[in-house]
Amino acid sequence: MDINRKKQLTAGASILSNIILTTLKLIVGAISGSMSIISEAIHSLSDFSASVLTFFSVIKSSQPADKDHPYGHGKYEDMAGFIEGILIILAGVFIIYKSSKKIILGEILPAENNLGIAVMLIAVVINIIISSLLFKTAKEGNSISLYADAQHLRADVYSSFGVLLGLILIKYTDYNLLDPIIAILVACFICKTGHKIVKQSVMRLLDYSLPNDEITNLYNTIGNFSNKVKLKDNSLKARQVGPSTDIDFVLVFPSDTSLCQCHQICDEIENQIRNIYPNASISIHSEPECYKKNCRNLCTKNCKNLQM
């Protein structure tokens, strides 16, 4: 299956699961009066909003380059990841506010827990399945927005499991203060996840370099051809743009290297890099080893003679 089609189907599955879980949690939260379940419903609602955003960003980013976007539409996914992270943080802050208010005002009522336990168990199972699918597809398609959505749902797995344990404890201890306390702990975890996604998305939007280990990997790959060509000092640059990796560098060839040999070596290096980054956009500038101040004038003169 085409990776763009797979990304769209996966994002669609995430939307459907979030619709189901949000509806279930809202209904059970209203019936039981549990703040922790209501907080989970708000969390799932933010998941739903993020999933919709991811779906449309994946469709947009898969479009080819055009006149207005000559470098493609990859940054739509980065922007979507940033907005998703903000939504996660806002959901967490809202839950902390509502739960703290309940504790301060003493608005803690006994809750009916059997329905809550059942729906939280369902939420854990569904989110494990969908988040695993999202992580797999995000890795295959190098998609930050799908990755953000997967992180969103994985956070929901942990928070739903925490609420599930809390509801079981409340059921057998009748200590109802645990309900808003658990909601606050869930919210703190949600905010941490949101911060991580926002940070990663901003780094991509601001063209932050690839991580050091990936840059080292590129140096090693190019270094495999050190007997034929040299990498110019400080010329390697690499960044992530949506699902694509932009890589450019300068290669210095021996003066007697023919144009055909130069082209062949560049192709071989590109192929090795694409084994690591299949969606890479690679730009290589080639320079002759003799292209220095003491012979630049001679090279320029020879070029002029060829043009004549």
Protein backbone atom coordinates (compact mmCIF):
# COMPACT_ATOMS: atom_id res chain seq x y z
CA MET A 1 0.00 0.00 0.00
CA ASP A 2 1.20 3.53 -0.82
CA ILE A 3 2.60 5.18 2.35
CA ASN A 4 0.52 8.35 1.91
CA ARG A 5 -2.65 6.26 1.59
CA LYS A 6 -1.65 4.26 4.67
CA LYS A 7 -1.04 7.48 6.64
CA GLN A 8 -4.50 8.76 5.72
CA LEU A 9 -6.21 5.48 6.71
CA THR A 10 -4.33 5.37 10.01
CA ALA A 11 -5.28 8.97 10.80
CA GLY A 12 -8.90 8.11 9.94
CA ALA A 13 -8.84 5.14 12.34
CA SER A 14 -7.59 7.47 15.08
CA ILE A 15 -10.52 9.86 14.46
CA LEU A 16 -13.05 7.03 14.67
CA SER A 17 -11.61 5.61 17.91
CA ASN A 18 -11.58 9.05 19.53
CA ILE A 19 -15.21 9.70 18.59
CA ILE A 20 -16.23 6.43 20.25
CA LEU A 21 -14.14 6.94 23.40
CA THR A 22 -15.05 10.61 23.87
CA THR A 23 -18.77 9.77 23.64
CA LEU A 24 -18.47 6.86 26.07
CA LYS A 25 -16.46 8.85 28.63
CA LEU A 26 -18.75 11.88 28.49
CA ILE A 27 -21.86 9.73 29.04
CA VAL A 28 -20.31 7.66 31.86
CA GLY A 29 -18.72 10.74 33.44
CA ALA A 30 -22.08 12.53 33.53
CA ILE A 31 -23.81 9.46 34.97
CA SER A 32 -21.16 8.65 37.60
CA GLY A 33 -20.18 12.23 38.51
CA SER A 34 -16.51 11.22 38.52
CA MET A 35 -14.10 14.10 37.86
CA SER A 36 -11.37 11.71 36.79
CA ILE A 37 -13.62 10.21 34.10
CA ILE A 38 -14.74 13.67 32.96
CA SER A 39 -11.07 14.70 32.76
CA GLU A 40 -10.46 11.67 30.58
CA ALA A 41 -13.41 12.69 28.39
CA ILE A 42 -11.81 16.14 27.96
CA HIS A 43 -8.51 14.44 27.18
CA SER A 44 -10.20 12.27 24.52
CA LEU A 45 -11.93 15.35 23.10
CA SER A 46 -8.51 16.97 22.62
CA ASP A 47 -7.36 13.66 21.08
CA PHE A 48 -10.26 13.88 18.65
CA SER A 49 -9.41 17.46 17.67
CA ALA A 50 -5.76 16.49 17.20
CA SER A 51 -6.73 13.45 15.10
CA VAL A 52 -8.85 15.58 12.76
CA LEU A 53 -5.97 18.04 12.45
CA THR A 54 -3.56 15.18 11.74
CA PHE A 55 -5.84 13.72 9.07
CA PHE A 56 -6.00 16.95 7.08
CA SER A 57 -2.30 17.76 7.57
CA VAL A 58 -1.33 14.30 6.24
CA ILE A 59 -3.49 14.86 3.15
CA LYS A 60 -2.00 18.32 2.60
CA SER A 61 1.62 17.31 3.19
CA SER A 62 1.36 14.45 0.68
CA GLN A 63 0.60 16.88 -2.15
CA PRO A 64 3.49 17.44 -4.58
CA ALA A 65 5.41 20.71 -4.83
CA ASP A 66 3.67 23.47 -6.78
CA LYS A 67 4.24 27.08 -7.84
CA ASP A 68 3.37 28.47 -4.39
CA HIS A 69 5.18 25.69 -2.49
CA PRO A 70 8.25 24.79 -4.59
CA TYR A 71 9.78 22.87 -1.65
CA GLY A 72 6.63 20.83 -1.03
CA HIS A 73 4.01 20.90 1.73
CA GLY A 74 5.88 18.97 4.45
CA LYS A 75 5.71 21.75 7.03
CA TYR A 76 1.93 21.37 7.26
CA GLU A 77 2.63 18.28 9.36
CA ASP A 78 5.09 20.15 11.56
CA MET A 79 2.55 22.92 12.14
CA ALA A 80 -0.14 20.33 12.91
CA GLY A 81 2.17 18.71 15.48
CA PHE A 82 2.71 22.10 17.13
CA ILE A 83 -1.04 22.80 17.36
CA GLU A 84 -1.69 19.29 18.70
CA GLY A 85 0.87 19.84 21.46
CA ILE A 86 -0.81 23.12 22.44
CA LEU A 87 -4.21 21.37 22.55
CA ILE A 88 -2.78 18.69 24.84
CA ILE A 89 -1.35 21.30 27.24
CA LEU A 90 -4.60 23.29 27.30
CA ALA A 91 -6.58 20.13 28.07
CA GLY A 92 -4.22 19.36 30.97
CA VAL A 93 -4.45 22.89 32.40
CA PHE A 94 -8.26 22.80 32.24
CA ILE A 95 -8.39 19.47 34.10
CA ILE A 96 -6.05 20.80 36.83
CA TYR A 97 -8.25 23.88 37.23
CA LYS A 98 -11.53 21.93 37.52
CA SER A 99 -10.09 19.29 39.86
CA SER A 100 -8.38 21.82 42.13
CA LYS A 101 -11.62 23.77 42.35
CA LYS A 102 -13.47 20.64 43.48
CA ILE A 103 -10.87 19.96 46.20
CA ILE A 104 -10.81 23.56 47.46
CA LEU A 105 -14.62 23.95 47.50
CA GLY A 106 -15.18 20.45 48.86
CA GLU A 107 -17.44 19.46 45.96
CA ILE A 108 -16.50 15.80 46.17
CA LEU A 109 -19.48 13.45 45.90
CA PRO A 110 -19.56 9.64 45.91
CA ALA A 111 -19.35 8.30 42.37
CA GLU A 112 -20.80 5.21 40.71
CA ASN A 113 -17.65 3.35 39.71
CA ASN A 114 -18.67 0.14 37.94
CA LEU A 115 -19.50 1.88 34.65
CA GLY A 116 -16.35 3.98 34.95
CA ILE A 117 -14.16 0.92 35.47
CA ALA A 118 -15.66 -0.74 32.39
CA VAL A 119 -15.25 2.25 30.07
CA MET A 120 -11.68 2.93 31.26
CA LEU A 121 -10.76 -0.68 30.54
CA ILE A 122 -12.21 -0.36 27.02
CA ALA A 123 -10.29 2.92 26.53
CA VAL A 124 -6.98 1.33 27.53
CA VAL A 125 -7.38 -1.56 25.08
CA ILE A 126 -8.52 0.57 22.11
CA ASN A 127 -5.83 3.21 22.62
CA ILE A 128 -3.05 0.60 22.88
CA ILE A 129 -4.11 -0.82 19.50
CA ILE A 130 -4.55 2.54 17.71
CA SER A 131 -1.44 4.21 19.18
CA SER A 132 0.73 1.21 18.19
CA LEU A 133 -0.63 1.47 14.64
CA LEU A 134 0.06 5.22 14.59
CA PHE A 135 3.64 4.80 15.86
CA LYS A 136 4.32 2.14 13.20
CA THR A 137 2.95 4.28 10.35
CA ALA A 138 4.63 7.46 11.67
CA LYS A 139 7.99 5.68 11.59
CA GLU A 140 7.42 4.30 8.08
CA GLY A 141 6.28 7.68 6.72
CA ASN A 142 8.52 9.89 8.89
CA SER A 143 5.42 11.85 9.97
CA ILE A 144 5.65 14.22 12.95
CA SER A 145 1.89 14.78 13.02
CA LEU A 146 1.13 11.04 13.16
CA TYR A 147 3.84 10.69 15.79
CA ALA A 148 2.25 13.50 17.81
CA ASP A 149 -1.14 11.81 17.49
CA ALA A 150 0.40 8.51 18.61
CA GLN A 151 2.00 10.21 21.62
CA HIS A 152 -1.36 11.79 22.35
CA LEU A 153 -3.09 8.41 22.43
CA ARG A 154 -0.24 6.73 24.31
CA ALA A 155 -0.61 9.41 26.99
CA ASP A 156 -4.31 8.51 27.04
CA VAL A 157 -3.37 4.85 27.64
CA TYR A 158 -1.38 5.71 30.76
CA SER A 159 -3.88 8.25 32.04
CA SER A 160 -6.85 5.90 31.45
CA PHE A 161 -5.00 3.12 33.23
CA GLY A 162 -4.28 5.46 36.15
CA VAL A 163 -7.94 6.44 36.34
CA LEU A 164 -8.92 2.76 36.14
CA LEU A 165 -6.74 1.89 39.14
CA GLY A 166 -8.02 4.93 41.01
CA LEU A 167 -11.66 3.97 40.44
CA ILE A 168 -10.94 0.45 41.69
CA LEU A 169 -9.31 1.89 44.85
CA ILE A 170 -12.24 4.26 45.42
CA LYS A 171 -14.68 1.36 44.98
CA TYR A 172 -13.04 -0.66 47.74
CA THR A 173 -11.95 2.15 50.10
CA ASP A 174 -14.74 4.76 49.66
CA TYR A 175 -12.01 7.45 49.73
CA ASN A 176 -13.61 9.79 47.17
CA LEU A 177 -10.90 12.49 47.45
CA LEU A 178 -8.79 10.20 45.27
CA ASP A 179 -10.97 11.08 42.28
CA PRO A 180 -9.87 14.75 41.75
CA ILE A 181 -6.30 13.90 42.90
CA ILE A 182 -6.03 11.26 40.19
CA ALA A 183 -7.44 13.75 37.67
CA ILE A 184 -4.68 16.26 38.56
CA LEU A 185 -1.95 13.61 38.24
CA VAL A 186 -3.36 12.64 34.84
CA ALA A 187 -3.35 16.30 33.79
CA CYS A 188 0.31 16.75 34.79
CA PHE A 189 1.24 13.76 32.65
CA ILE A 190 -0.78 15.19 29.77
CA CYS A 191 1.00 18.56 30.02
CA LYS A 192 4.41 16.87 29.97
CA THR A 193 3.50 15.00 26.78
CA GLY A 194 2.21 18.20 25.18
CA HIS A 195 5.42 20.06 26.02
CA LYS A 196 7.52 17.34 24.38
CA ILE A 197 5.48 17.48 21.15
CA VAL A 198 5.53 21.31 21.02
CA LYS A 199 9.31 21.37 21.51
CA GLN A 200 9.92 18.83 18.75
CA SER A 201 7.56 20.60 16.32
CA VAL A 202 9.11 24.02 16.97
CA MET A 203 12.58 22.60 16.33
CA ARG A 204 11.43 21.37 12.93
CA LEU A 205 9.60 24.60 12.06
CA LEU A 206 12.76 26.58 12.87
CA ASP A 207 14.90 24.26 10.71
CA TYR A 208 16.80 22.83 13.65
CA SER A 209 19.59 20.47 12.63
CA LEU A 210 19.13 16.70 12.81
CA PRO A 211 20.26 15.09 16.12
CA ASN A 212 24.02 14.67 16.56
CA ASP A 213 23.90 10.88 16.17
CA GLU A 214 22.15 11.23 12.79
CA ILE A 215 24.65 13.88 11.63
CA THR A 216 27.50 11.54 12.67
CA ASN A 217 25.83 8.76 10.68
CA LEU A 218 25.81 10.99 7.59
CA TYR A 219 29.49 11.85 8.09
CA ASN A 220 30.30 8.14 8.30
CA THR A 221 28.28 7.36 5.17
CA ILE A 222 30.06 10.03 3.12
CA GLY A 223 33.36 8.95 4.71
CA ASN A 224 32.97 5.53 3.05
CA PHE A 225 34.07 7.28 -0.16
CA SER A 226 37.09 9.07 1.34
CA ASN A 227 39.41 7.28 -1.13
CA LYS A 228 37.60 9.00 -4.01
CA VAL A 229 36.35 12.32 -2.64
CA LYS A 230 36.50 14.54 0.45
CA LEU A 231 33.72 16.30 2.28
CA LYS A 232 34.39 20.02 2.51
CA ASP A 233 34.80 21.19 6.11
CA ASN A 234 31.61 22.49 7.79
CA SER A 235 29.57 22.05 4.61
CA LEU A 236 27.17 19.33 5.76
CA LYS A 237 23.68 20.59 6.68
CA ALA A 238 20.60 18.51 7.37
CA ARG A 239 17.09 19.25 8.63
CA GLN A 240 13.70 17.55 8.90
CA VAL A 241 10.76 19.07 6.98
CA GLY A 242 7.57 17.13 7.60
CA PRO A 243 8.13 13.62 6.22
CA SER A 244 11.16 14.69 4.18
CA THR A 245 14.81 15.09 5.20
CA ASP A 246 16.74 17.90 3.50
CA ILE A 247 20.48 17.20 3.22
CA ASP A 248 23.09 19.28 1.40
CA PHE A 249 26.88 19.32 1.40
CA VAL A 250 29.96 20.12 -0.70
CA LEU A 251 32.30 17.46 -2.08
CA VAL A 252 35.89 18.19 -3.11
CA PHE A 253 37.16 16.01 -5.99
CA PRO A 254 40.71 15.45 -7.27
CA SER A 255 41.44 17.78 -10.17
CA ASP A 256 41.73 14.95 -12.70
CA THR A 257 38.25 13.55 -11.92
CA SER A 258 36.06 13.58 -15.03
CA LEU A 259 32.52 14.92 -15.02
CA CYS A 260 31.17 11.40 -15.55
CA GLN A 261 33.19 10.00 -12.61
CA CYS A 262 32.06 12.89 -10.42
CA HIS A 263 28.41 12.24 -11.30
CA GLN A 264 28.75 8.50 -10.66
CA ILE A 265 30.32 9.00 -7.22
CA CYS A 266 27.62 11.51 -6.25
CA ASP A 267 24.95 8.98 -7.28
CA GLU A 268 26.58 6.26 -5.18
CA ILE A 269 26.68 8.53 -2.13
CA GLU A 270 23.05 9.55 -2.66
CA ASN A 271 21.96 5.91 -2.87
CA GLN A 272 23.68 5.07 0.41
CA ILE A 273 22.09 8.07 2.13
CA ARG A 274 18.65 7.10 0.77
CA ASN A 275 19.06 3.68 2.37
CA ILE A 276 18.95 5.57 5.68
CA TYR A 277 16.54 8.37 4.66
CA PRO A 278 14.24 7.09 1.86
CA ASN A 279 12.41 10.44 1.63
CA ALA A 280 15.56 12.54 1.59
CA SER A 281 16.02 15.56 -0.66
CA ILE A 282 19.78 15.62 -1.33
CA SER A 283 21.73 18.51 -2.81
CA ILE A 284 25.45 18.03 -3.58
CA HIS A 285 27.77 20.78 -4.78
CA SER A 286 31.01 19.53 -6.38
CA GLU A 287 34.30 21.43 -6.35
CA PRO A 288 37.71 20.55 -7.84
CA GLU A 289 40.51 20.14 -5.34
CA CYS A 290 42.56 22.79 -7.16
CA TYR A 291 39.87 25.43 -6.79
CA LYS A 292 41.93 27.65 -4.49
CA LYS A 293 43.23 31.20 -4.65
CA ASN A 294 46.55 30.22 -6.26
CA CYS A 295 44.84 28.60 -9.26
CA ARG A 296 41.33 30.04 -9.36
CA ASN A 297 42.29 32.57 -12.04
CA LEU A 298 43.71 29.80 -14.23
CA CYS A 299 40.53 27.70 -13.81
CA THR A 300 38.39 30.72 -14.71
CA LYS A 301 40.55 31.43 -17.79
CA ASN A 302 40.25 27.82 -18.98
CA CYS A 303 36.48 27.95 -18.54
CA LYS A 304 36.32 31.12 -20.66
CA ASN A 305 38.40 29.46 -23.37
CA LEU A 306 35.98 26.52 -23.45
CA GLN A 307 33.01 28.87 -23.83
CA MET A 308 34.72 30.55 -26.81
